[in-house]
Amino acid sequence: MAKINANYEALYILKPDLNEEQIKALVERFKGVVEANGTVSEIDEWGKRRLAYPINDLMEGYYVLMTFTAAAAIPAELDRIFRITDGVMRSMIVCKDE
């Protein structure tokens, strides 16, 4: 039997030069995408951390970990939105059930 919903983790790194309002707006935007057809369990903002290697000449980024439950189509849509959003440097979505 196929799973209707699965548990996912999304880790994304925002540009460090964003102010608090911009960071909060992006976190709420991504949370809204998931909550349209799923549930967000937890959003853990790790804050600014040093990167392992420079990305676009930047040495630090603002890390956010979001845990959620959703149908299989939601992570694909969330990944698409991560890629087209200017403030996002890197992102990764992982299915925790596998």
PDB file of N, CA and C in Angstrom:
ATOM      1  N   MET A   1       0.830  -1.176   0.000  1.00  0.00           N
ATOM      2  CA  MET A   1       0.000   0.000   0.000  1.00  0.00           C
ATOM      3  C   MET A   1       0.882   1.250   0.000  1.00  0.00           C
ATOM      4  N   ALA A   2       0.586   2.196  -0.847  1.00  0.00           N
ATOM      5  CA  ALA A   2       1.382   3.414  -0.979  1.00  0.00           C
ATOM      6  C   ALA A   2       1.081   4.376   0.168  1.00  0.00           C
ATOM      7  N   LYS A   3       2.100   5.098   0.575  1.00  0.00           N
ATOM      8  CA  LYS A   3       1.934   6.084   1.630  1.00  0.00           C
ATOM      9  C   LYS A   3       1.269   7.332   1.069  1.00  0.00           C
ATOM     10  N   ILE A   4       0.333   7.870   1.820  1.00  0.00           N
ATOM     11  CA  ILE A   4      -0.298   9.115   1.412  1.00  0.00           C
ATOM     12  C   ILE A   4       0.575  10.287   1.843  1.00  0.00           C
ATOM     13  N   ASN A   5       1.014  10.269   3.091  1.00  0.00           N
ATOM     14  CA  ASN A   5       1.873  11.320   3.622  1.00  0.00           C
ATOM     15  C   ASN A   5       3.164  10.707   4.154  1.00  0.00           C
ATOM     16  N   ALA A   6       4.229  11.470   4.107  1.00  0.00           N
ATOM     17  CA  ALA A   6       5.513  11.018   4.623  1.00  0.00           C
ATOM     18  C   ALA A   6       6.132  12.154   5.436  1.00  0.00           C
ATOM     19  N   ASN A   7       7.097  11.809   6.266  1.00  0.00           N
ATOM     20  CA  ASN A   7       7.811  12.799   7.078  1.00  0.00           C
ATOM     21  C   ASN A   7       9.040  13.284   6.331  1.00  0.00           C
ATOM     22  N   TYR A   8       9.247  14.591   6.322  1.00  0.00           N
ATOM     23  CA  TYR A   8      10.366  15.198   5.601  1.00  0.00           C
ATOM     24  C   TYR A   8      11.093  16.191   6.493  1.00  0.00           C
ATOM     25  N   GLU A   9      12.354  16.425   6.141  1.00  0.00           N
ATOM     26  CA  GLU A   9      13.142  17.503   6.725  1.00  0.00           C
ATOM     27  C   GLU A   9      13.667  18.355   5.591  1.00  0.00           C
ATOM     28  N   ALA A  10      13.534  19.655   5.735  1.00  0.00           N
ATOM     29  CA  ALA A  10      14.090  20.590   4.757  1.00  0.00           C
ATOM     30  C   ALA A  10      15.079  21.488   5.484  1.00  0.00           C
ATOM     31  N   LEU A  11      16.316  21.484   5.028  1.00  0.00           N
ATOM     32  CA  LEU A  11      17.341  22.372   5.570  1.00  0.00           C
ATOM     33  C   LEU A  11      17.681  23.358   4.478  1.00  0.00           C
ATOM     34  N   TYR A  12      17.585  24.642   4.797  1.00  0.00           N
ATOM     35  CA  TYR A  12      17.954  25.640   3.803  1.00  0.00           C
ATOM     36  C   TYR A  12      18.811  26.714   4.440  1.00  0.00           C
ATOM     37  N   ILE A  13      19.693  27.295   3.610  1.00  0.00           N
ATOM     38  CA  ILE A  13      20.625  28.323   4.056  1.00  0.00           C
ATOM     39  C   ILE A  13      20.260  29.619   3.347  1.00  0.00           C
ATOM     40  N   LEU A  14      19.985  30.639   4.149  1.00  0.00           N
ATOM     41  CA  LEU A  14      19.655  31.955   3.612  1.00  0.00           C
ATOM     42  C   LEU A  14      20.895  32.837   3.600  1.00  0.00           C
ATOM     43  N   LYS A  15      20.889  33.843   2.753  1.00  0.00           N
ATOM     44  CA  LYS A  15      22.018  34.770   2.672  1.00  0.00           C
ATOM     45  C   LYS A  15      22.179  35.496   4.002  1.00  0.00           C
ATOM     46  N   PRO A  16      23.423  35.676   4.465  1.00  0.00           N
ATOM     47  CA  PRO A  16      23.649  36.282   5.782  1.00  0.00           C
ATOM     48  C   PRO A  16      23.360  37.787   5.836  1.00  0.00           C
ATOM     49  N   ASP A  17      23.281  38.445   4.695  1.00  0.00           N
ATOM     50  CA  ASP A  17      23.064  39.891   4.699  1.00  0.00           C
ATOM     51  C   ASP A  17      21.581  40.281   4.769  1.00  0.00           C
ATOM     52  N   LEU A  18      20.673  39.298   4.877  1.00  0.00           N
ATOM     53  CA  LEU A  18      19.246  39.592   5.030  1.00  0.00           C
ATOM     54  C   LEU A  18      18.973  40.091   6.444  1.00  0.00           C
ATOM     55  N   ASN A  19      18.056  41.045   6.582  1.00  0.00           N
ATOM     56  CA  ASN A  19      17.712  41.508   7.924  1.00  0.00           C
ATOM     57  C   ASN A  19      16.661  40.583   8.538  1.00  0.00           C
ATOM     58  N   GLU A  20      16.323  40.824   9.800  1.00  0.00           N
ATOM     59  CA  GLU A  20      15.405  39.935  10.526  1.00  0.00           C
ATOM     60  C   GLU A  20      14.035  39.841   9.866  1.00  0.00           C
ATOM     61  N   GLU A  21      13.524  40.961   9.368  1.00  0.00           N
ATOM     62  CA  GLU A  21      12.211  40.963   8.733  1.00  0.00           C
ATOM     63  C   GLU A  21      12.208  40.125   7.455  1.00  0.00           C
ATOM     64  N   GLN A  22      13.274  40.223   6.663  1.00  0.00           N
ATOM     65  CA  GLN A  22      13.367  39.447   5.430  1.00  0.00           C
ATOM     66  C   GLN A  22      13.474  37.960   5.734  1.00  0.00           C
ATOM     67  N   ILE A  23      14.250  37.610   6.750  1.00  0.00           N
ATOM     68  CA  ILE A  23      14.392  36.201   7.142  1.00  0.00           C
ATOM     69  C   ILE A  23      13.051  35.659   7.611  1.00  0.00           C
ATOM     70  N   LYS A  24      12.367  36.419   8.464  1.00  0.00           N
ATOM     71  CA  LYS A  24      11.065  35.980   8.973  1.00  0.00           C
ATOM     72  C   LYS A  24      10.068  35.807   7.833  1.00  0.00           C
ATOM     73  N   ALA A  25      10.090  36.725   6.852  1.00  0.00           N
ATOM     74  CA  ALA A  25       9.173  36.633   5.709  1.00  0.00           C
ATOM     75  C   ALA A  25       9.436  35.375   4.885  1.00  0.00           C
ATOM     76  N   LEU A  26      10.717  35.048   4.653  1.00  0.00           N
ATOM     77  CA  LEU A  26      11.047  33.842   3.876  1.00  0.00           C
ATOM     78  C   LEU A  26      10.657  32.578   4.630  1.00  0.00           C
ATOM     79  N   VAL A  27      10.922  32.536   5.934  1.00  0.00           N
ATOM     80  CA  VAL A  27      10.560  31.357   6.736  1.00  0.00           C
ATOM     81  C   VAL A  27       9.047  31.160   6.702  1.00  0.00           C
ATOM     82  N   GLU A  28       8.285  32.236   6.845  1.00  0.00           N
ATOM     83  CA  GLU A  28       6.823  32.144   6.797  1.00  0.00           C
ATOM     84  C   GLU A  28       6.331  31.731   5.408  1.00  0.00           C
ATOM     85  N   ARG A  29       7.005  32.207   4.370  1.00  0.00           N
ATOM     86  CA  ARG A  29       6.616  31.841   2.997  1.00  0.00           C
ATOM     87  C   ARG A  29       6.772  30.337   2.779  1.00  0.00           C
ATOM     88  N   PHE A  30       7.919  29.790   3.194  1.00  0.00           N
ATOM     89  CA  PHE A  30       8.163  28.364   3.004  1.00  0.00           C
ATOM     90  C   PHE A  30       7.238  27.533   3.895  1.00  0.00           C
ATOM     91  N   LYS A  31       6.957  28.023   5.087  1.00  0.00           N
ATOM     92  CA  LYS A  31       6.021  27.343   5.980  1.00  0.00           C
ATOM     93  C   LYS A  31       4.629  27.319   5.358  1.00  0.00           C
ATOM     94  N   GLY A  32       4.228  28.397   4.727  1.00  0.00           N
ATOM     95  CA  GLY A  32       2.922  28.478   4.081  1.00  0.00           C
ATOM     96  C   GLY A  32       2.780  27.523   2.918  1.00  0.00           C
ATOM     97  N   VAL A  33       3.865  27.320   2.167  1.00  0.00           N
ATOM     98  CA  VAL A  33       3.831  26.379   1.045  1.00  0.00           C
ATOM     99  C   VAL A  33       3.530  24.977   1.554  1.00  0.00           C
ATOM    100  N   VAL A  34       4.165  24.592   2.654  1.00  0.00           N
ATOM    101  CA  VAL A  34       3.948  23.254   3.210  1.00  0.00           C
ATOM    102  C   VAL A  34       2.559  23.144   3.836  1.00  0.00           C
ATOM    103  N   GLU A  35       2.139  24.165   4.574  1.00  0.00           N
ATOM    104  CA  GLU A  35       0.863  24.096   5.280  1.00  0.00           C
ATOM    105  C   GLU A  35      -0.342  24.137   4.350  1.00  0.00           C
ATOM    106  N   ALA A  36      -0.145  24.493   3.096  1.00  0.00           N
ATOM    107  CA  ALA A  36      -1.246  24.473   2.138  1.00  0.00           C
ATOM    108  C   ALA A  36      -1.785  23.052   1.959  1.00  0.00           C
ATOM    109  N   ASN A  37      -0.900  22.048   2.012  1.00  0.00           N
ATOM    110  CA  ASN A  37      -1.320  20.659   1.823  1.00  0.00           C
ATOM    111  C   ASN A  37      -0.625  19.693   2.775  1.00  0.00           C
ATOM    112  N   GLY A  38      -0.110  20.187   3.882  1.00  0.00           N
ATOM    113  CA  GLY A  38       0.593  19.335   4.838  1.00  0.00           C
ATOM    114  C   GLY A  38       0.628  20.002   6.199  1.00  0.00           C
ATOM    115  N   THR A  39       1.438  19.445   7.101  1.00  0.00           N
ATOM    116  CA  THR A  39       1.570  20.026   8.430  1.00  0.00           C
ATOM    117  C   THR A  39       3.045  20.205   8.774  1.00  0.00           C
ATOM    118  N   VAL A  40       3.367  21.348   9.342  1.00  0.00           N
ATOM    119  CA  VAL A  40       4.728  21.629   9.788  1.00  0.00           C
ATOM    120  C   VAL A  40       4.829  21.211  11.253  1.00  0.00           C
ATOM    121  N   SER A  41       5.779  20.322  11.544  1.00  0.00           N
ATOM    122  CA  SER A  41       5.968  19.853  12.916  1.00  0.00           C
ATOM    123  C   SER A  41       6.813  20.824  13.717  1.00  0.00           C
ATOM    124  N   GLU A  42       7.902  21.307  13.097  1.00  0.00           N
ATOM    125  CA  GLU A  42       8.849  22.135  13.828  1.00  0.00           C
ATOM    126  C   GLU A  42       9.662  22.971  12.853  1.00  0.00           C
ATOM    127  N   ILE A  43       9.965  24.187  13.262  1.00  0.00           N
ATOM    128  CA  ILE A  43      10.905  25.033  12.527  1.00  0.00           C
ATOM    129  C   ILE A  43      11.990  25.427  13.513  1.00  0.00           C
ATOM    130  N   ASP A  44      13.215  25.009  13.215  1.00  0.00           N
ATOM    131  CA  ASP A  44      14.354  25.253  14.091  1.00  0.00           C
ATOM    132  C   ASP A  44      15.313  26.200  13.374  1.00  0.00           C
ATOM    133  N   GLU A  45      15.376  27.440  13.835  1.00  0.00           N
ATOM    134  CA  GLU A  45      16.287  28.413  13.234  1.00  0.00           C
ATOM    135  C   GLU A  45      17.619  28.334  13.967  1.00  0.00           C
ATOM    136  N   TRP A  46      18.648  27.866  13.249  1.00  0.00           N
ATOM    137  CA  TRP A  46      19.968  27.712  13.843  1.00  0.00           C
ATOM    138  C   TRP A  46      20.728  29.024  13.882  1.00  0.00           C
ATOM    139  N   GLY A  47      20.334  29.965  13.044  1.00  0.00           N
ATOM    140  CA  GLY A  47      21.005  31.257  13.009  1.00  0.00           C
ATOM    141  C   GLY A  47      22.193  31.257  12.067  1.00  0.00           C
ATOM    142  N   LYS A  48      23.019  32.307  12.184  1.00  0.00           N
ATOM    143  CA  LYS A  48      24.193  32.437  11.306  1.00  0.00           C
ATOM    144  C   LYS A  48      25.275  31.478  11.748  1.00  0.00           C
ATOM    145  N   ARG A  49      25.795  30.747  10.759  1.00  0.00           N
ATOM    146  CA  ARG A  49      26.888  29.807  11.002  1.00  0.00           C
ATOM    147  C   ARG A  49      27.892  29.907   9.866  1.00  0.00           C
ATOM    148  N   ARG A  50      29.093  29.540  10.161  1.00  0.00           N
ATOM    149  CA  ARG A  50      30.156  29.538   9.166  1.00  0.00           C
ATOM    150  C   ARG A  50      29.951  28.358   8.215  1.00  0.00           C
ATOM    151  N   LEU A  51      30.132  28.597   6.927  1.00  0.00           N
ATOM    152  CA  LEU A  51      29.997  27.551   5.920  1.00  0.00           C
ATOM    153  C   LEU A  51      31.283  26.735   5.837  1.00  0.00           C
ATOM    154  N   ALA A  52      31.176  25.499   5.393  1.00  0.00           N
ATOM    155  CA  ALA A  52      32.346  24.640   5.234  1.00  0.00           C
ATOM    156  C   ALA A  52      33.227  25.116   4.082  1.00  0.00           C
ATOM    157  N   TYR A  53      32.596  25.731   3.094  1.00  0.00           N
ATOM    158  CA  TYR A  53      33.320  26.286   1.943  1.00  0.00           C
ATOM    159  C   TYR A  53      32.547  27.498   1.444  1.00  0.00           C
ATOM    160  N   PRO A  54      33.229  28.442   0.784  1.00  0.00           N
ATOM    161  CA  PRO A  54      32.529  29.653   0.334  1.00  0.00           C
ATOM    162  C   PRO A  54      31.490  29.352  -0.753  1.00  0.00           C
ATOM    163  N   ILE A  55      30.341  29.992  -0.644  1.00  0.00           N
ATOM    164  CA  ILE A  55      29.305  29.921  -1.667  1.00  0.00           C
ATOM    165  C   ILE A  55      29.094  31.347  -2.159  1.00  0.00           C
ATOM    166  N   ASN A  56      29.361  31.580  -3.426  1.00  0.00           N
ATOM    167  CA  ASN A  56      29.248  32.924  -4.018  1.00  0.00           C
ATOM    168  C   ASN A  56      30.032  33.956  -3.200  1.00  0.00           C
ATOM    169  N   ASP A  57      31.244  33.602  -2.799  1.00  0.00           N
ATOM    170  CA  ASP A  57      32.150  34.450  -2.019  1.00  0.00           C
ATOM    171  C   ASP A  57      31.628  34.789  -0.625  1.00  0.00           C
ATOM    172  N   LEU A  58      30.656  34.076  -0.124  1.00  0.00           N
ATOM    173  CA  LEU A  58      30.147  34.278   1.229  1.00  0.00           C
ATOM    174  C   LEU A  58      30.653  33.147   2.120  1.00  0.00           C
ATOM    175  N   MET A  59      31.069  33.492   3.331  1.00  0.00           N
ATOM    176  CA  MET A  59      31.629  32.494   4.240  1.00  0.00           C
ATOM    177  C   MET A  59      30.667  32.072   5.355  1.00  0.00           C
ATOM    178  N   GLU A  60      29.486  32.698   5.438  1.00  0.00           N
ATOM    179  CA  GLU A  60      28.503  32.270   6.431  1.00  0.00           C
ATOM    180  C   GLU A  60      27.105  32.379   5.851  1.00  0.00           C
ATOM    181  N   GLY A  61      26.166  31.707   6.522  1.00  0.00           N
ATOM    182  CA  GLY A  61      24.782  31.714   6.082  1.00  0.00           C
ATOM    183  C   GLY A  61      23.855  31.522   7.268  1.00  0.00           C
ATOM    184  N   TYR A  62      22.576  31.794   7.064  1.00  0.00           N
ATOM    185  CA  TYR A  62      21.561  31.659   8.102  1.00  0.00           C
ATOM    186  C   TYR A  62      20.835  30.341   7.873  1.00  0.00           C
ATOM    187  N   TYR A  63      21.018  29.378   8.790  1.00  0.00           N
ATOM    188  CA  TYR A  63      20.482  28.030   8.642  1.00  0.00           C
ATOM    189  C   TYR A  63      19.095  27.907   9.255  1.00  0.00           C
ATOM    190  N   VAL A  64      18.192  27.203   8.548  1.00  0.00           N
ATOM    191  CA  VAL A  64      16.849  26.923   9.057  1.00  0.00           C
ATOM    192  C   VAL A  64      16.519  25.458   8.744  1.00  0.00           C
ATOM    193  N   LEU A  65      16.049  24.718   9.766  1.00  0.00           N
ATOM    194  CA  LEU A  65      15.634  23.328   9.603  1.00  0.00           C
ATOM    195  C   LEU A  65      14.127  23.254   9.839  1.00  0.00           C
ATOM    196  N   MET A  66      13.402  22.730   8.841  1.00  0.00           N
ATOM    197  CA  MET A  66      11.948  22.606   8.944  1.00  0.00           C
ATOM    198  C   MET A  66      11.574  21.129   8.827  1.00  0.00           C
ATOM    199  N   THR A  67      10.825  20.623   9.804  1.00  0.00           N
ATOM    200  CA  THR A  67      10.338  19.246   9.805  1.00  0.00           C
ATOM    201  C   THR A  67       8.851  19.287   9.497  1.00  0.00           C
ATOM    202  N   PHE A  68       8.416  18.458   8.529  1.00  0.00           N
ATOM    203  CA  PHE A  68       7.006  18.507   8.140  1.00  0.00           C
ATOM    204  C   PHE A  68       6.528  17.159   7.613  1.00  0.00           C
ATOM    205  N   THR A  69       5.202  17.014   7.554  1.00  0.00           N
ATOM    206  CA  THR A  69       4.543  15.844   6.986  1.00  0.00           C
ATOM    207  C   THR A  69       3.692  16.317   5.830  1.00  0.00           C
ATOM    208  N   ALA A  70       3.868  15.670   4.668  1.00  0.00           N
ATOM    209  CA  ALA A  70       3.130  16.106   3.475  1.00  0.00           C
ATOM    210  C   ALA A  70       3.086  14.986   2.445  1.00  0.00           C
ATOM    211  N   ALA A  71       2.266  15.210   1.416  1.00  0.00           N
ATOM    212  CA  ALA A  71       2.194  14.288   0.288  1.00  0.00           C
ATOM    213  C   ALA A  71       3.471  14.415  -0.547  1.00  0.00           C
ATOM    214  N   ALA A  72       3.697  13.472  -1.429  1.00  0.00           N
ATOM    215  CA  ALA A  72       4.940  13.407  -2.198  1.00  0.00           C
ATOM    216  C   ALA A  72       5.138  14.599  -3.138  1.00  0.00           C
ATOM    217  N   ALA A  73       4.079  15.270  -3.552  1.00  0.00           N
ATOM    218  CA  ALA A  73       4.208  16.393  -4.484  1.00  0.00           C
ATOM    219  C   ALA A  73       4.710  17.662  -3.799  1.00  0.00           C
ATOM    220  N   ILE A  74       4.526  17.795  -2.500  1.00  0.00           N
ATOM    221  CA  ILE A  74       4.882  19.024  -1.792  1.00  0.00           C
ATOM    222  C   ILE A  74       6.397  19.268  -1.759  1.00  0.00           C
ATOM    223  N   PRO A  75       7.233  18.261  -1.450  1.00  0.00           N
ATOM    224  CA  PRO A  75       8.675  18.522  -1.465  1.00  0.00           C
ATOM    225  C   PRO A  75       9.190  18.976  -2.837  1.00  0.00           C
ATOM    226  N   ALA A  76       8.630  18.460  -3.897  1.00  0.00           N
ATOM    227  CA  ALA A  76       9.055  18.882  -5.238  1.00  0.00           C
ATOM    228  C   ALA A  76       8.711  20.353  -5.471  1.00  0.00           C
ATOM    229  N   GLU A  77       7.530  20.772  -5.050  1.00  0.00           N
ATOM    230  CA  GLU A  77       7.121  22.175  -5.188  1.00  0.00           C
ATOM    231  C   GLU A  77       7.966  23.066  -4.288  1.00  0.00           C
ATOM    232  N   LEU A  78       8.234  22.625  -3.069  1.00  0.00           N
ATOM    233  CA  LEU A  78       9.061  23.396  -2.147  1.00  0.00           C
ATOM    234  C   LEU A  78      10.479  23.555  -2.698  1.00  0.00           C
ATOM    235  N   ASP A  79      11.032  22.498  -3.268  1.00  0.00           N
ATOM    236  CA  ASP A  79      12.361  22.560  -3.869  1.00  0.00           C
ATOM    237  C   ASP A  79      12.394  23.551  -5.030  1.00  0.00           C
ATOM    238  N   ARG A  80      11.342  23.576  -5.838  1.00  0.00           N
ATOM    239  CA  ARG A  80      11.257  24.526  -6.953  1.00  0.00           C
ATOM    240  C   ARG A  80      11.252  25.962  -6.423  1.00  0.00           C
ATOM    241  N   ILE A  81      10.513  26.192  -5.356  1.00  0.00           N
ATOM    242  CA  ILE A  81      10.436  27.538  -4.780  1.00  0.00           C
ATOM    243  C   ILE A  81      11.783  27.931  -4.156  1.00  0.00           C
ATOM    244  N   PHE A  82      12.470  26.979  -3.510  1.00  0.00           N
ATOM    245  CA  PHE A  82      13.808  27.263  -2.979  1.00  0.00           C
ATOM    246  C   PHE A  82      14.738  27.745  -4.094  1.00  0.00           C
ATOM    247  N   ARG A  83      14.687  27.076  -5.238  1.00  0.00           N
ATOM    248  CA  ARG A  83      15.601  27.398  -6.337  1.00  0.00           C
ATOM    249  C   ARG A  83      15.351  28.759  -6.962  1.00  0.00           C
ATOM    250  N   ILE A  84      14.097  29.228  -6.962  1.00  0.00           N
ATOM    251  CA  ILE A  84      13.810  30.504  -7.621  1.00  0.00           C
ATOM    252  C   ILE A  84      13.784  31.691  -6.651  1.00  0.00           C
ATOM    253  N   THR A  85      13.977  31.444  -5.361  1.00  0.00           N
ATOM    254  CA  THR A  85      13.981  32.518  -4.371  1.00  0.00           C
ATOM    255  C   THR A  85      15.390  33.083  -4.242  1.00  0.00           C
ATOM    256  N   ASP A  86      15.500  34.406  -4.334  1.00  0.00           N
ATOM    257  CA  ASP A  86      16.805  35.062  -4.325  1.00  0.00           C
ATOM    258  C   ASP A  86      17.578  34.895  -3.027  1.00  0.00           C
ATOM    259  N   GLY A  87      16.919  34.889  -1.893  1.00  0.00           N
ATOM    260  CA  GLY A  87      17.610  34.845  -0.605  1.00  0.00           C
ATOM    261  C   GLY A  87      18.146  33.484  -0.208  1.00  0.00           C
ATOM    262  N   VAL A  88      17.821  32.435  -0.949  1.00  0.00           N
ATOM    263  CA  VAL A  88      18.243  31.076  -0.586  1.00  0.00           C
ATOM    264  C   VAL A  88      19.553  30.729  -1.292  1.00  0.00           C
ATOM    265  N   MET A  89      20.556  30.344  -0.495  1.00  0.00           N
ATOM    266  CA  MET A  89      21.854  29.966  -1.057  1.00  0.00           C
ATOM    267  C   MET A  89      21.894  28.477  -1.406  1.00  0.00           C
ATOM    268  N   ARG A  90      21.439  27.632  -0.484  1.00  0.00           N
ATOM    269  CA  ARG A  90      21.413  26.186  -0.686  1.00  0.00           C
ATOM    270  C   ARG A  90      20.192  25.622   0.030  1.00  0.00           C
ATOM    271  N   SER A  91      19.720  24.455  -0.434  1.00  0.00           N
ATOM    272  CA  SER A  91      18.616  23.778   0.236  1.00  0.00           C
ATOM    273  C   SER A  91      18.709  22.287  -0.013  1.00  0.00           C
ATOM    274  N   MET A  92      18.118  21.523   0.929  1.00  0.00           N
ATOM    275  CA  MET A  92      18.081  20.072   0.788  1.00  0.00           C
ATOM    276  C   MET A  92      16.831  19.555   1.502  1.00  0.00           C
ATOM    277  N   ILE A  93      16.107  18.665   0.834  1.00  0.00           N
ATOM    278  CA  ILE A  93      14.917  18.056   1.423  1.00  0.00           C
ATOM    279  C   ILE A  93      15.141  16.550   1.476  1.00  0.00           C
ATOM    280  N   VAL A  94      14.902  15.968   2.656  1.00  0.00           N
ATOM    281  CA  VAL A  94      15.154  14.548   2.871  1.00  0.00           C
ATOM    282  C   VAL A  94      13.904  13.903   3.444  1.00  0.00           C
ATOM    283  N   CYS A  95      13.558  12.704   2.934  1.00  0.00           N
ATOM    284  CA  CYS A  95      12.440  11.938   3.482  1.00  0.00           C
ATOM    285  C   CYS A  95      12.961  11.118   4.672  1.00  0.00           C
ATOM    286  N   LYS A  96      12.412  11.346   5.842  1.00  0.00           N
ATOM    287  CA  LYS A  96      12.877  10.670   7.057  1.00  0.00           C
ATOM    288  C   LYS A  96      12.364   9.238   7.161  1.00  0.00           C
ATOM    289  N   ASP A  97      11.340   8.870   6.393  1.00  0.00           N
ATOM    290  CA  ASP A  97      10.751   7.537   6.499  1.00  0.00           C
ATOM    291  C   ASP A  97      11.572   6.469   5.785  1.00  0.00           C
ATOM    292  N   GLU A  98      12.476   6.858   4.926  1.00  0.00           N
ATOM    293  CA  GLU A  98      13.225   5.871   4.138  1.00  0.00           C
ATOM    294  C   GLU A  98      14.497   5.471   4.820  1.00  0.00           C
TER     295      GLU A  98
END
